[in-house]
Amino acid sequence: MLDEATLERRLATLEQEVADLKHKSEHNFASGTWLEKLVGSISDESAFLEALEYGRSFRQADKPTDDDGQA
């Protein structure tokens, strides 16, 4: 078992980490919504459109078709 000094030190470290995470979270929330952060972040529109098409075709490939032998 850990001695009391080690536990206190570990607890203090955890408390500091939680405080840092809360601060980062509050800062990110205050800086705008996810949509505001996303707007303008895509610099290569053709690559973005290609990625959208790839995702669309990937999703469509999983959909059943009417001619799967079911009548």
Protein backbone atom coordinates (compact mmCIF):
# COMPACT_ATOMS: atom_id res chain seq x y z
CA MET A 1 0.00 0.00 0.00
CA LEU A 2 1.18 3.52 -0.73
CA ASP A 3 2.15 5.78 2.11
CA GLU A 4 0.14 8.89 2.92
CA ALA A 5 2.63 11.33 1.37
CA THR A 6 2.54 9.49 -1.95
CA LEU A 7 -1.26 9.42 -1.95
CA GLU A 8 -1.41 13.13 -1.16
CA ARG A 9 1.01 13.91 -3.98
CA ARG A 10 -0.95 11.79 -6.46
CA LEU A 11 -4.23 13.36 -5.36
CA ALA A 12 -2.79 16.86 -5.79
CA THR A 13 -1.60 15.92 -9.29
CA LEU A 14 -5.04 14.58 -10.21
CA GLU A 15 -6.76 17.68 -8.86
CA GLN A 16 -4.46 19.89 -10.93
CA GLU A 17 -5.09 17.83 -14.07
CA VAL A 18 -8.88 18.07 -13.55
CA ALA A 19 -8.62 21.83 -13.06
CA ASP A 20 -6.56 22.13 -16.27
CA LEU A 21 -9.09 20.06 -18.23
CA LYS A 22 -11.98 22.13 -16.92
CA HIS A 23 -10.18 25.31 -17.90
CA LYS A 24 -9.51 23.99 -21.42
CA SER A 25 -13.11 22.84 -21.75
CA GLU A 26 -14.48 26.23 -20.67
CA HIS A 27 -12.12 28.02 -23.04
CA ASN A 28 -13.15 25.84 -26.00
CA PHE A 29 -16.83 26.28 -25.22
CA ALA A 30 -16.50 30.05 -24.96
CA SER A 31 -14.68 30.34 -28.28
CA GLY A 32 -17.72 29.33 -30.34
CA THR A 33 -19.77 26.42 -31.51
CA TRP A 34 -18.38 23.47 -33.41
CA LEU A 35 -19.89 24.87 -36.58
CA GLU A 36 -18.20 28.25 -36.15
CA LYS A 37 -14.88 26.44 -35.68
CA LEU A 38 -15.43 24.35 -38.81
CA VAL A 39 -16.43 27.15 -41.18
CA GLY A 40 -13.45 28.13 -43.30
CA SER A 41 -11.28 25.25 -42.13
CA ILE A 42 -11.38 23.37 -45.45
CA SER A 43 -8.75 24.72 -47.80
CA ASP A 44 -9.06 22.19 -50.64
CA GLU A 45 -12.67 22.17 -51.82
CA SER A 46 -12.13 19.55 -54.53
CA ALA A 47 -10.64 17.11 -52.01
CA PHE A 48 -13.54 17.80 -49.66
CA LEU A 49 -16.10 17.13 -52.39
CA GLU A 50 -14.26 13.93 -53.33
CA ALA A 51 -14.37 12.79 -49.69
CA LEU A 52 -18.10 13.54 -49.55
CA GLU A 53 -18.71 11.47 -52.67
CA TYR A 54 -16.61 8.61 -51.30
CA GLY A 55 -18.65 8.61 -48.09
CA ARG A 56 -21.92 8.74 -50.03
CA SER A 57 -20.96 5.79 -52.24
CA PHE A 58 -19.75 3.84 -49.22
CA ARG A 59 -23.10 4.34 -47.47
CA GLN A 60 -25.04 3.48 -50.64
CA ALA A 61 -23.10 0.21 -51.03
CA ASP A 62 -24.59 -1.04 -47.73
CA LYS A 63 -28.18 -0.38 -48.75
CA PRO A 64 -30.18 -3.34 -50.06
CA THR A 65 -31.38 -3.09 -53.64
CA ASP A 66 -34.80 -4.05 -54.99
CA ASP A 67 -33.32 -6.72 -57.26
CA ASP A 68 -31.80 -8.90 -54.53
CA GLY A 69 -34.03 -11.77 -55.60
CA GLN A 70 -36.85 -10.77 -53.28
CA ALA A 71 -40.29 -10.64 -54.80
